[in-house]
């Protein structure tokens, strides 16, 4: 499921899957919770809320069952170093 950035009220990103009725929320602690059985109306209101944490706390948190999907490391740590290609080696060493 694709999450969109939110960056308000301690929520980093969130995404909704209408087929499974699941709402994933990533918090600024990098913890990700999946809430099940969430209607598309509730998800849309949450995703477009000017105060998403308040909406989450008041409407979602205690009303829907959740699954802890664990933590996701910060993006800075997930970046893979660029692999060197043959062209990079030729630029460094010339044609051998």
N, C-alpha and C. Protein backbone atom coordinates (compact mmCIF):
# COMPACT_ATOMS: atom_id res chain seq x y z
N UNK A 1 0.84 -1.17 0.00
CA UNK A 1 0.00 0.00 0.00
C UNK A 1 0.89 1.24 0.00
N UNK A 2 0.55 2.18 -0.81
CA UNK A 2 1.31 3.43 -0.92
C UNK A 2 0.84 4.39 0.18
N UNK A 3 1.79 4.92 0.95
CA UNK A 3 1.45 5.91 1.97
C UNK A 3 1.83 7.29 1.46
N UNK A 4 1.02 8.28 1.85
CA UNK A 4 1.34 9.65 1.46
C UNK A 4 1.89 10.40 2.67
N UNK A 5 2.82 11.32 2.45
CA UNK A 5 3.39 12.07 3.56
C UNK A 5 2.34 12.96 4.22
N UNK A 6 2.40 13.04 5.55
CA UNK A 6 1.48 13.90 6.29
C UNK A 6 2.28 14.93 7.10
N UNK A 7 3.24 14.47 7.90
CA UNK A 7 4.14 15.34 8.68
C UNK A 7 3.42 16.37 9.53
N UNK A 8 2.38 15.94 10.23
CA UNK A 8 1.67 16.82 11.17
C UNK A 8 1.27 16.00 12.39
N UNK A 9 1.41 16.61 13.55
CA UNK A 9 0.91 16.00 14.78
C UNK A 9 1.54 14.67 15.14
N UNK A 10 2.79 14.46 14.77
CA UNK A 10 3.45 13.21 15.11
C UNK A 10 3.19 12.08 14.13
N UNK A 11 2.47 12.36 13.06
CA UNK A 11 2.20 11.36 12.03
C UNK A 11 3.05 11.71 10.81
N UNK A 12 3.83 10.74 10.35
CA UNK A 12 4.74 10.97 9.23
C UNK A 12 4.06 10.68 7.90
N UNK A 13 3.33 9.56 7.83
CA UNK A 13 2.67 9.18 6.58
C UNK A 13 1.50 8.26 6.89
N UNK A 14 0.62 8.12 5.90
CA UNK A 14 -0.53 7.22 6.05
C UNK A 14 -1.01 6.81 4.67
N UNK A 15 -1.63 5.63 4.61
CA UNK A 15 -2.18 5.14 3.36
C UNK A 15 -3.39 4.27 3.63
N UNK A 16 -4.27 4.20 2.65
CA UNK A 16 -5.51 3.44 2.80
C UNK A 16 -5.69 2.50 1.61
N UNK A 17 -6.10 1.27 1.89
CA UNK A 17 -6.43 0.29 0.86
C UNK A 17 -7.92 0.00 0.96
N UNK A 18 -8.68 0.49 -0.01
CA UNK A 18 -10.13 0.35 0.02
C UNK A 18 -10.58 -1.10 -0.09
N UNK A 19 -9.84 -1.93 -0.83
CA UNK A 19 -10.23 -3.33 -0.98
C UNK A 19 -10.18 -4.09 0.34
N UNK A 20 -9.13 -3.88 1.10
CA UNK A 20 -8.99 -4.59 2.38
C UNK A 20 -9.51 -3.77 3.56
N UNK A 21 -9.86 -2.50 3.30
CA UNK A 21 -10.35 -1.57 4.33
C UNK A 21 -9.32 -1.41 5.45
N UNK A 22 -8.04 -1.33 5.06
CA UNK A 22 -6.95 -1.17 6.02
C UNK A 22 -6.34 0.23 5.88
N UNK A 23 -6.07 0.83 7.02
CA UNK A 23 -5.43 2.14 7.09
C UNK A 23 -4.10 1.97 7.81
N UNK A 24 -2.99 2.27 7.12
CA UNK A 24 -1.66 2.20 7.72
C UNK A 24 -1.23 3.60 8.12
N UNK A 25 -0.72 3.73 9.34
CA UNK A 25 -0.26 5.02 9.84
C UNK A 25 1.16 4.86 10.36
N UNK A 26 2.07 5.71 9.85
CA UNK A 26 3.45 5.73 10.34
C UNK A 26 3.62 6.96 11.22
N UNK A 27 4.11 6.74 12.43
CA UNK A 27 4.30 7.82 13.39
C UNK A 27 5.74 8.31 13.35
N UNK A 28 5.98 9.46 14.00
CA UNK A 28 7.34 10.02 13.98
C UNK A 28 8.35 9.17 14.74
N UNK A 29 7.89 8.16 15.45
CA UNK A 29 8.78 7.19 16.09
C UNK A 29 9.16 6.07 15.11
N UNK A 30 8.62 6.15 13.88
CA UNK A 30 8.80 5.18 12.79
C UNK A 30 8.01 3.89 13.03
N UNK A 31 7.16 3.89 14.02
CA UNK A 31 6.27 2.76 14.28
C UNK A 31 5.12 2.84 13.28
N UNK A 32 4.74 1.68 12.74
CA UNK A 32 3.65 1.63 11.77
C UNK A 32 2.55 0.75 12.33
N UNK A 33 1.34 1.31 12.37
CA UNK A 33 0.17 0.56 12.83
C UNK A 33 -0.82 0.43 11.68
N UNK A 34 -1.42 -0.75 11.56
CA UNK A 34 -2.45 -0.99 10.55
C UNK A 34 -3.79 -1.14 11.27
N UNK A 35 -4.73 -0.30 10.89
CA UNK A 35 -6.08 -0.35 11.46
C UNK A 35 -6.99 -1.03 10.44
N UNK A 36 -7.74 -2.03 10.91
CA UNK A 36 -8.57 -2.85 10.02
C UNK A 36 -10.04 -2.48 10.13
N UNK A 37 -10.75 -2.65 9.02
CA UNK A 37 -12.18 -2.40 8.99
C UNK A 37 -12.55 -0.93 8.92
N UNK A 38 -11.61 -0.10 8.49
CA UNK A 38 -11.84 1.35 8.42
C UNK A 38 -12.60 1.67 7.13
N UNK A 39 -13.68 2.42 7.27
CA UNK A 39 -14.47 2.78 6.09
C UNK A 39 -13.71 3.81 5.25
N UNK A 40 -14.06 3.89 3.99
CA UNK A 40 -13.39 4.85 3.11
C UNK A 40 -13.68 6.28 3.53
N UNK A 41 -14.85 6.53 4.10
CA UNK A 41 -15.20 7.87 4.57
C UNK A 41 -14.29 8.29 5.72
N UNK A 42 -14.11 7.41 6.69
CA UNK A 42 -13.24 7.71 7.83
C UNK A 42 -11.80 7.92 7.35
N UNK A 43 -11.33 7.05 6.47
CA UNK A 43 -9.97 7.16 5.95
C UNK A 43 -9.77 8.48 5.21
N UNK A 44 -10.71 8.84 4.37
CA UNK A 44 -10.59 10.08 3.60
C UNK A 44 -10.57 11.30 4.53
N UNK A 45 -11.45 11.29 5.53
CA UNK A 45 -11.47 12.41 6.48
C UNK A 45 -10.15 12.51 7.24
N UNK A 46 -9.60 11.36 7.62
CA UNK A 46 -8.31 11.36 8.32
C UNK A 46 -7.20 11.89 7.41
N UNK A 47 -7.13 11.36 6.19
CA UNK A 47 -6.05 11.72 5.27
C UNK A 47 -6.09 13.18 4.83
N UNK A 48 -7.26 13.81 4.91
CA UNK A 48 -7.39 15.21 4.49
C UNK A 48 -7.58 16.16 5.67
N UNK A 49 -7.51 15.64 6.87
CA UNK A 49 -7.73 16.45 8.07
C UNK A 49 -6.63 17.49 8.27
N UNK A 50 -7.02 18.68 8.72
CA UNK A 50 -6.05 19.70 9.07
C UNK A 50 -5.35 19.34 10.37
N UNK A 51 -5.97 18.47 11.15
CA UNK A 51 -5.41 18.03 12.43
C UNK A 51 -5.49 16.50 12.50
N UNK A 52 -4.62 15.81 11.75
CA UNK A 52 -4.75 14.35 11.63
C UNK A 52 -4.58 13.59 12.95
N UNK A 53 -3.71 14.06 13.84
CA UNK A 53 -3.54 13.33 15.09
C UNK A 53 -4.80 13.41 15.95
N UNK A 54 -5.43 14.57 15.99
CA UNK A 54 -6.68 14.71 16.75
C UNK A 54 -7.76 13.81 16.17
N UNK A 55 -7.87 13.77 14.85
CA UNK A 55 -8.86 12.91 14.21
C UNK A 55 -8.55 11.44 14.51
N UNK A 56 -7.28 11.07 14.42
CA UNK A 56 -6.86 9.71 14.74
C UNK A 56 -7.25 9.35 16.17
N UNK A 57 -6.91 10.20 17.11
CA UNK A 57 -7.17 9.95 18.52
C UNK A 57 -8.67 9.86 18.81
N UNK A 58 -9.45 10.75 18.21
CA UNK A 58 -10.89 10.82 18.51
C UNK A 58 -11.72 9.78 17.78
N UNK A 59 -11.33 9.41 16.57
CA UNK A 59 -12.19 8.58 15.73
C UNK A 59 -11.63 7.18 15.47
N UNK A 60 -10.33 7.04 15.35
CA UNK A 60 -9.74 5.77 14.88
C UNK A 60 -9.13 4.94 16.00
N UNK A 61 -8.31 5.54 16.83
CA UNK A 61 -7.44 4.82 17.76
C UNK A 61 -8.13 3.74 18.58
N UNK A 62 -9.22 4.04 19.23
CA UNK A 62 -9.88 3.06 20.09
C UNK A 62 -11.09 2.39 19.45
N UNK A 63 -11.37 2.73 18.20
CA UNK A 63 -12.56 2.20 17.53
C UNK A 63 -12.29 1.03 16.59
N UNK A 64 -11.05 0.90 16.14
CA UNK A 64 -10.72 -0.13 15.16
C UNK A 64 -9.58 -1.01 15.68
N UNK A 65 -9.63 -2.31 15.38
CA UNK A 65 -8.52 -3.17 15.79
C UNK A 65 -7.26 -2.82 15.00
N UNK A 66 -6.11 -2.93 15.67
CA UNK A 66 -4.86 -2.57 15.01
C UNK A 66 -3.85 -3.70 15.09
N UNK A 67 -2.95 -3.68 14.13
CA UNK A 67 -1.82 -4.61 14.07
C UNK A 67 -0.57 -3.75 14.03
N UNK A 68 0.40 -4.07 14.88
CA UNK A 68 1.66 -3.36 14.89
C UNK A 68 2.55 -3.97 13.80
N UNK A 69 2.84 -3.18 12.78
CA UNK A 69 3.69 -3.66 11.68
C UNK A 69 5.16 -3.46 11.98
N UNK A 70 5.45 -2.95 13.16
CA UNK A 70 6.84 -2.77 13.55
C UNK A 70 7.34 -1.38 13.25
N UNK A 71 8.64 -1.27 13.22
CA UNK A 71 9.28 0.01 12.97
C UNK A 71 9.98 -0.01 11.63
N UNK A 72 10.04 1.15 11.04
CA UNK A 72 10.73 1.31 9.77
C UNK A 72 11.88 2.27 10.04
N UNK A 73 13.10 1.90 9.67
CA UNK A 73 14.22 2.81 9.93
C UNK A 73 14.04 4.12 9.17
N UNK A 74 14.60 5.20 9.67
CA UNK A 74 14.52 6.47 8.95
C UNK A 74 15.06 6.33 7.53
N UNK A 75 14.52 7.13 6.62
CA UNK A 75 14.88 7.02 5.21
C UNK A 75 16.38 7.18 4.98
N UNK A 76 17.04 8.00 5.79
CA UNK A 76 18.47 8.22 5.58
C UNK A 76 19.24 6.91 5.68
N UNK A 77 18.80 6.01 6.54
CA UNK A 77 19.51 4.75 6.73
C UNK A 77 19.14 3.71 5.68
N UNK A 78 18.05 3.91 4.95
CA UNK A 78 17.61 2.92 3.98
C UNK A 78 18.20 3.14 2.60
N UNK A 79 18.89 4.23 2.39
CA UNK A 79 19.43 4.55 1.07
C UNK A 79 20.59 3.61 0.77
N UNK A 80 20.48 2.94 -0.35
CA UNK A 80 21.55 2.03 -0.80
C UNK A 80 22.62 2.85 -1.51
N UNK A 81 23.88 2.55 -1.29
CA UNK A 81 24.92 3.25 -2.03
C UNK A 81 24.82 2.92 -3.52
N UNK A 82 25.12 3.91 -4.33
CA UNK A 82 25.05 3.70 -5.78
C UNK A 82 26.13 2.70 -6.19
N UNK A 83 25.73 1.71 -6.97
CA UNK A 83 26.68 0.71 -7.44
C UNK A 83 27.45 1.26 -8.63
N UNK A 84 28.70 0.91 -8.68
CA UNK A 84 29.55 1.36 -9.77
C UNK A 84 29.31 0.50 -11.00
N UNK A 85 29.12 1.14 -12.12
CA UNK A 85 28.95 0.43 -13.37
C UNK A 85 30.25 0.39 -14.15
N UNK A 86 30.24 -0.31 -15.25
CA UNK A 86 31.44 -0.45 -16.08
C UNK A 86 31.89 0.91 -16.62
N UNK A 87 30.92 1.80 -16.91
CA UNK A 87 31.29 3.13 -17.40
C UNK A 87 32.04 3.93 -16.34
N UNK A 88 31.63 3.79 -15.08
CA UNK A 88 32.34 4.47 -13.99
C UNK A 88 33.77 3.96 -13.89
N UNK A 89 33.96 2.66 -14.03
CA UNK A 89 35.31 2.08 -13.96
C UNK A 89 36.17 2.54 -15.13
N UNK A 90 35.57 2.62 -16.32
CA UNK A 90 36.32 3.08 -17.49
C UNK A 90 36.75 4.54 -17.31
N UNK A 91 35.88 5.37 -16.70
CA UNK A 91 36.25 6.76 -16.46
C UNK A 91 37.42 6.84 -15.48
N UNK A 92 37.46 5.95 -14.51
CA UNK A 92 38.53 5.97 -13.52
C UNK A 92 39.84 5.42 -14.06
N UNK A 93 39.77 4.30 -14.77
CA UNK A 93 40.97 3.58 -15.17
C UNK A 93 41.24 3.59 -16.67
N UNK A 94 40.34 4.11 -17.46
CA UNK A 94 40.49 4.06 -18.90
C UNK A 94 40.18 2.66 -19.42
N UNK A 95 40.23 2.49 -20.72
CA UNK A 95 39.99 1.16 -21.30
C UNK A 95 41.20 0.28 -21.03
N UNK A 96 40.96 -0.87 -20.45
CA UNK A 96 42.08 -1.78 -20.14
C UNK A 96 42.26 -2.80 -21.21
